[in-house]
Amino acid sequence: MFNKVLPYGNVHIADQIVSLIASLAIVEVDGVAGTVTDLKDEMIRVVNKKTKQKGISVEKSEQDEISIDMRVALYYGVDILETCKTIQRVVKQEIEAMTGIQVNTVHVKVEQIKMKNA
């Protein structure tokens, strides 16, 4: 949970909202097929009934900055490094613009390559 103190009260932003913003931000990035998860993470999601976005985790530092870890699938033939740089930039910009929370790092782990459907 992230807290912001405003002139007329506090705003609380759930971790799930930050991860949702991150997952929506990468939808428009060319070459991204989506996020991925492993069986262990999927079982935890089912058992806990959490709305955490699959393949995305959010960590808060003591300085109220956040670090995002994303596990993604990319389409075959894309420039992996350039696509990951774009993911990092877009996720950082969207989260900061929508929440006012400083994003310290966006770690992208490419775990799958998929073929585009013709």
Protein backbone atom coordinates (compact mmCIF):
# COMPACT_ATOMS: atom_id res chain seq x y z
CA MET A 1 0.00 0.00 0.00
CA PHE A 2 1.35 3.40 -0.99
CA ASN A 3 0.31 6.49 0.91
CA LYS A 4 0.33 10.09 -0.31
CA VAL A 5 -0.36 13.00 2.03
CA LEU A 6 -2.38 15.72 0.33
CA PRO A 7 -3.63 19.06 1.67
CA TYR A 8 -7.11 17.71 2.49
CA GLY A 9 -6.27 14.17 3.53
CA ASN A 10 -4.43 11.01 2.61
CA VAL A 11 -4.61 8.89 -0.52
CA HIS A 12 -3.89 5.15 -0.31
CA ILE A 13 -2.96 3.30 -3.51
CA ALA A 14 -2.97 -0.51 -3.41
CA ASP A 15 -0.07 -2.49 -4.85
CA GLN A 16 -2.57 -4.17 -7.20
CA ILE A 17 -3.39 -0.80 -8.78
CA VAL A 18 0.28 -0.12 -9.50
CA SER A 19 0.72 -3.56 -11.08
CA LEU A 20 -2.47 -3.06 -13.12
CA ILE A 21 -1.14 0.25 -14.46
CA ALA A 22 2.10 -1.50 -15.43
CA SER A 23 0.27 -4.31 -17.24
CA LEU A 24 -1.94 -1.86 -19.14
CA ALA A 25 1.04 0.32 -20.06
CA ILE A 26 2.79 -2.46 -21.99
CA VAL A 27 -0.27 -3.42 -24.05
CA GLU A 28 0.56 -0.80 -26.68
CA VAL A 29 4.29 -1.60 -26.86
CA ASP A 30 5.08 -3.20 -30.22
CA GLY A 31 6.43 -6.71 -29.88
CA VAL A 32 4.98 -7.48 -26.44
CA ALA A 33 2.81 -10.60 -26.33
CA GLY A 34 1.97 -10.18 -22.64
CA THR A 35 3.16 -11.03 -19.17
CA VAL A 36 3.89 -14.57 -18.02
CA THR A 37 3.74 -16.44 -14.75
CA ASP A 38 4.89 -19.80 -13.50
CA LEU A 39 2.75 -22.49 -11.91
CA LYS A 40 3.78 -21.55 -8.36
CA ASP A 41 2.73 -17.91 -8.80
CA GLU A 42 -0.54 -18.96 -10.44
CA MET A 43 -1.37 -21.31 -7.56
CA ILE A 44 -0.68 -18.55 -5.02
CA ARG A 45 -2.99 -16.22 -6.97
CA VAL A 46 -5.77 -18.83 -6.97
CA VAL A 47 -5.40 -19.75 -3.29
CA ASN A 48 -5.11 -16.17 -2.03
CA LYS A 49 -7.69 -14.85 -4.52
CA LYS A 50 -5.51 -11.79 -4.98
CA THR A 51 -5.98 -9.53 -7.97
CA LYS A 52 -2.24 -9.17 -8.50
CA GLN A 53 -1.39 -8.98 -12.18
CA LYS A 54 0.33 -12.10 -13.41
CA GLY A 55 4.04 -11.73 -13.98
CA ILE A 56 4.32 -8.35 -12.24
CA SER A 57 5.53 -7.67 -8.71
CA VAL A 58 5.85 -4.34 -6.93
CA GLU A 59 8.27 -3.60 -4.09
CA LYS A 60 8.34 -0.42 -2.00
CA SER A 61 11.59 1.04 -0.65
CA GLU A 62 12.06 2.97 2.58
CA GLN A 63 12.29 6.19 0.52
CA ASP A 64 8.75 5.64 -0.88
CA GLU A 65 10.13 4.67 -4.27
CA ILE A 66 9.00 1.52 -6.00
CA SER A 67 10.70 -1.18 -7.97
CA ILE A 68 8.77 -3.17 -10.59
CA ASP A 69 9.69 -6.70 -11.71
CA MET A 70 8.02 -7.84 -14.94
CA ARG A 71 8.14 -11.23 -16.62
CA VAL A 72 7.14 -10.88 -20.26
CA ALA A 73 6.63 -12.77 -23.49
CA LEU A 74 7.76 -11.10 -26.72
CA TYR A 75 6.97 -11.88 -30.32
CA TYR A 76 9.56 -13.62 -32.47
CA GLY A 77 11.63 -11.24 -34.58
CA VAL A 78 11.51 -8.13 -32.40
CA ASP A 79 14.60 -6.35 -31.13
CA ILE A 80 14.60 -7.66 -27.56
CA LEU A 81 16.79 -4.93 -26.04
CA GLU A 82 14.91 -2.05 -27.67
CA THR A 83 11.55 -3.56 -26.73
CA CYS A 84 12.66 -3.95 -23.10
CA LYS A 85 13.92 -0.35 -23.00
CA THR A 86 10.54 0.78 -24.28
CA ILE A 87 8.74 -1.32 -21.65
CA GLN A 88 10.88 0.24 -18.91
CA ARG A 89 10.27 3.79 -20.14
CA VAL A 90 6.51 3.39 -20.67
CA VAL A 91 5.89 1.65 -17.33
CA LYS A 92 7.91 4.26 -15.41
CA GLN A 93 6.15 7.17 -17.15
CA GLU A 94 2.63 5.80 -16.69
CA ILE A 95 2.99 4.88 -13.02
CA GLU A 96 4.60 8.20 -12.14
CA ALA A 97 2.03 10.19 -14.12
CA MET A 98 -0.98 8.38 -12.69
CA THR A 99 0.12 7.97 -9.06
CA GLY A 100 2.84 10.51 -8.34
CA ILE A 101 4.95 7.68 -6.92
CA GLN A 102 8.63 7.71 -7.95
CA VAL A 103 9.62 4.54 -9.85
CA ASN A 104 13.20 3.62 -9.02
CA THR A 105 13.64 0.60 -11.30
CA VAL A 106 11.72 -1.49 -13.82
CA HIS A 107 13.29 -4.93 -14.22
CA VAL A 108 12.17 -6.82 -17.32
CA LYS A 109 12.75 -10.56 -17.63
CA VAL A 110 12.01 -12.04 -21.04
CA GLU A 111 10.77 -15.58 -20.42
CA GLN A 112 8.98 -16.53 -23.62
CA ILE A 113 9.09 -15.89 -27.35
CA LYS A 114 5.81 -16.35 -29.20
CA MET A 115 4.85 -16.48 -32.85
CA LYS A 116 2.36 -13.89 -34.10
CA ASN A 117 -0.88 -15.31 -35.45
CA ALA A 118 -1.26 -14.49 -39.13
